[in-house]
Amino acid sequence: MSTPQKNLPRRSSRSLFIGIAVLLLLLGGMVIDPQAGFICFGLAGMFSLVPLWSARGWPRYVSIALLTIALLLAVATFPAARRQHNTYKDKTASGAHTPSP
């Protein structure tokens, strides 16, 4: 009798997580809104962690590179996102509203 195999993630799922991380990095770089870019870079970093923990060989190296890129871009985007959030918070706290068309 053969022994049952563990439920390890297949290679296609690792590639899927790498593909999603690359897509989120591209999307985060293309959006104009700094907060949306920051969120995309953070999600790309999270998606690149899955192959880092479960893969061996080239997917692990690719996920390390993606995680490093995502962290660097998130750190670079954070000051602009924080400035935008503070502006939004100040407008909301002052009670000013935008006129409706």
Protein backbone atom coordinates (compact mmCIF):
# COMPACT_ATOMS: atom_id res chain seq x y z
CA MET A 1 0.00 0.00 0.00
CA SER A 2 1.13 3.45 -0.73
CA THR A 3 1.25 6.03 2.01
CA PRO A 4 -1.05 9.03 1.65
CA GLN A 5 0.67 12.21 0.62
CA LYS A 6 0.44 15.38 2.59
CA ASN A 7 -1.77 18.11 1.22
CA LEU A 8 1.01 20.26 -0.15
CA PRO A 9 0.22 23.19 -2.40
CA ARG A 10 0.73 22.38 -6.03
CA ARG A 11 3.12 24.27 -8.26
CA SER A 12 0.26 25.96 -10.06
CA SER A 13 -0.99 27.53 -6.83
CA ARG A 14 2.48 28.84 -6.04
CA SER A 15 2.70 30.32 -9.52
CA LEU A 16 -0.75 31.81 -9.05
CA PHE A 17 0.32 33.60 -5.88
CA ILE A 18 3.45 34.88 -7.63
CA GLY A 19 1.34 36.08 -10.56
CA ILE A 20 -1.10 37.88 -8.26
CA ALA A 21 1.79 39.55 -6.43
CA VAL A 22 3.28 40.76 -9.73
CA LEU A 23 -0.13 42.01 -10.87
CA LEU A 24 -0.63 43.93 -7.61
CA LEU A 25 2.82 45.48 -7.89
CA LEU A 26 2.02 46.67 -11.41
CA LEU A 27 -1.41 47.91 -10.35
CA GLY A 28 0.04 49.75 -7.35
CA GLY A 29 2.54 51.48 -9.59
CA MET A 30 -0.11 52.55 -12.08
CA VAL A 31 -2.72 54.04 -9.76
CA ILE A 32 -2.59 57.74 -9.01
CA ASP A 33 -4.02 57.52 -5.48
CA PRO A 34 -1.15 57.02 -2.98
CA GLN A 35 -3.35 55.14 -0.50
CA ALA A 36 -4.49 52.67 -3.15
CA GLY A 37 -0.88 52.16 -4.23
CA PHE A 38 0.17 51.56 -0.63
CA ILE A 39 -2.59 48.99 -0.19
CA CYS A 40 -1.65 47.24 -3.45
CA PHE A 41 2.01 47.06 -2.41
CA GLY A 42 1.04 45.66 1.00
CA LEU A 43 -1.19 43.03 -0.57
CA ALA A 44 1.56 42.12 -3.02
CA GLY A 45 3.88 41.55 -0.09
CA MET A 46 1.32 39.32 1.61
CA PHE A 47 0.70 37.30 -1.53
CA SER A 48 4.44 36.80 -2.01
CA LEU A 49 4.74 35.29 1.47
CA VAL A 50 2.80 32.13 0.55
CA PRO A 51 5.34 30.82 -1.98
CA LEU A 52 8.15 31.94 0.32
CA TRP A 53 6.94 29.58 3.03
CA SER A 54 5.83 26.66 0.88
CA ALA A 55 8.01 26.63 -2.22
CA ARG A 56 11.52 25.42 -2.94
CA GLY A 57 13.87 26.48 -5.66
CA TRP A 58 13.16 29.31 -8.08
CA PRO A 59 9.66 30.18 -6.78
CA ARG A 60 11.15 30.91 -3.37
CA TYR A 61 13.78 33.22 -4.87
CA VAL A 62 11.17 35.01 -6.97
CA SER A 63 8.95 35.46 -3.91
CA ILE A 64 11.89 36.88 -1.92
CA ALA A 65 12.52 39.39 -4.72
CA LEU A 66 8.82 40.30 -4.92
CA LEU A 67 8.59 40.73 -1.15
CA THR A 68 11.64 42.99 -1.14
CA ILE A 69 10.28 45.10 -4.00
CA ALA A 70 6.84 45.34 -2.38
CA LEU A 71 8.31 46.44 0.96
CA LEU A 72 10.54 49.06 -0.66
CA LEU A 73 7.67 50.47 -2.71
CA ALA A 74 5.34 50.50 0.31
CA VAL A 75 7.94 52.38 2.37
CA ALA A 76 8.42 54.87 -0.48
CA THR A 77 4.65 55.39 -0.88
CA PHE A 78 3.84 55.66 2.82
CA PRO A 79 4.60 59.40 3.33
CA ALA A 80 2.32 60.47 0.45
CA ALA A 81 -0.44 58.13 1.62
CA ARG A 82 -0.15 59.47 5.16
CA ARG A 83 -0.30 63.08 3.93
CA GLN A 84 -3.42 62.32 1.91
CA HIS A 85 -5.06 60.57 4.85
CA ASN A 86 -4.28 63.47 7.19
CA THR A 87 -5.81 65.92 4.70
CA TYR A 88 -8.94 63.76 4.47
CA LYS A 89 -9.13 63.47 8.25
CA ASP A 90 -8.80 67.23 8.70
CA LYS A 91 -11.56 67.93 6.17
CA THR A 92 -13.83 65.41 7.83
CA ALA A 93 -13.17 66.73 11.32
CA SER A 94 -13.81 70.35 10.31
CA GLY A 95 -17.28 69.49 9.02
CA ALA A 96 -16.61 70.89 5.57
CA HIS A 97 -18.43 69.08 2.84
CA THR A 98 -18.17 69.26 -0.89
CA PRO A 99 -21.12 70.78 -2.72
CA SER A 100 -23.16 68.34 -4.73
CA PRO A 101 -23.53 69.12 -8.45
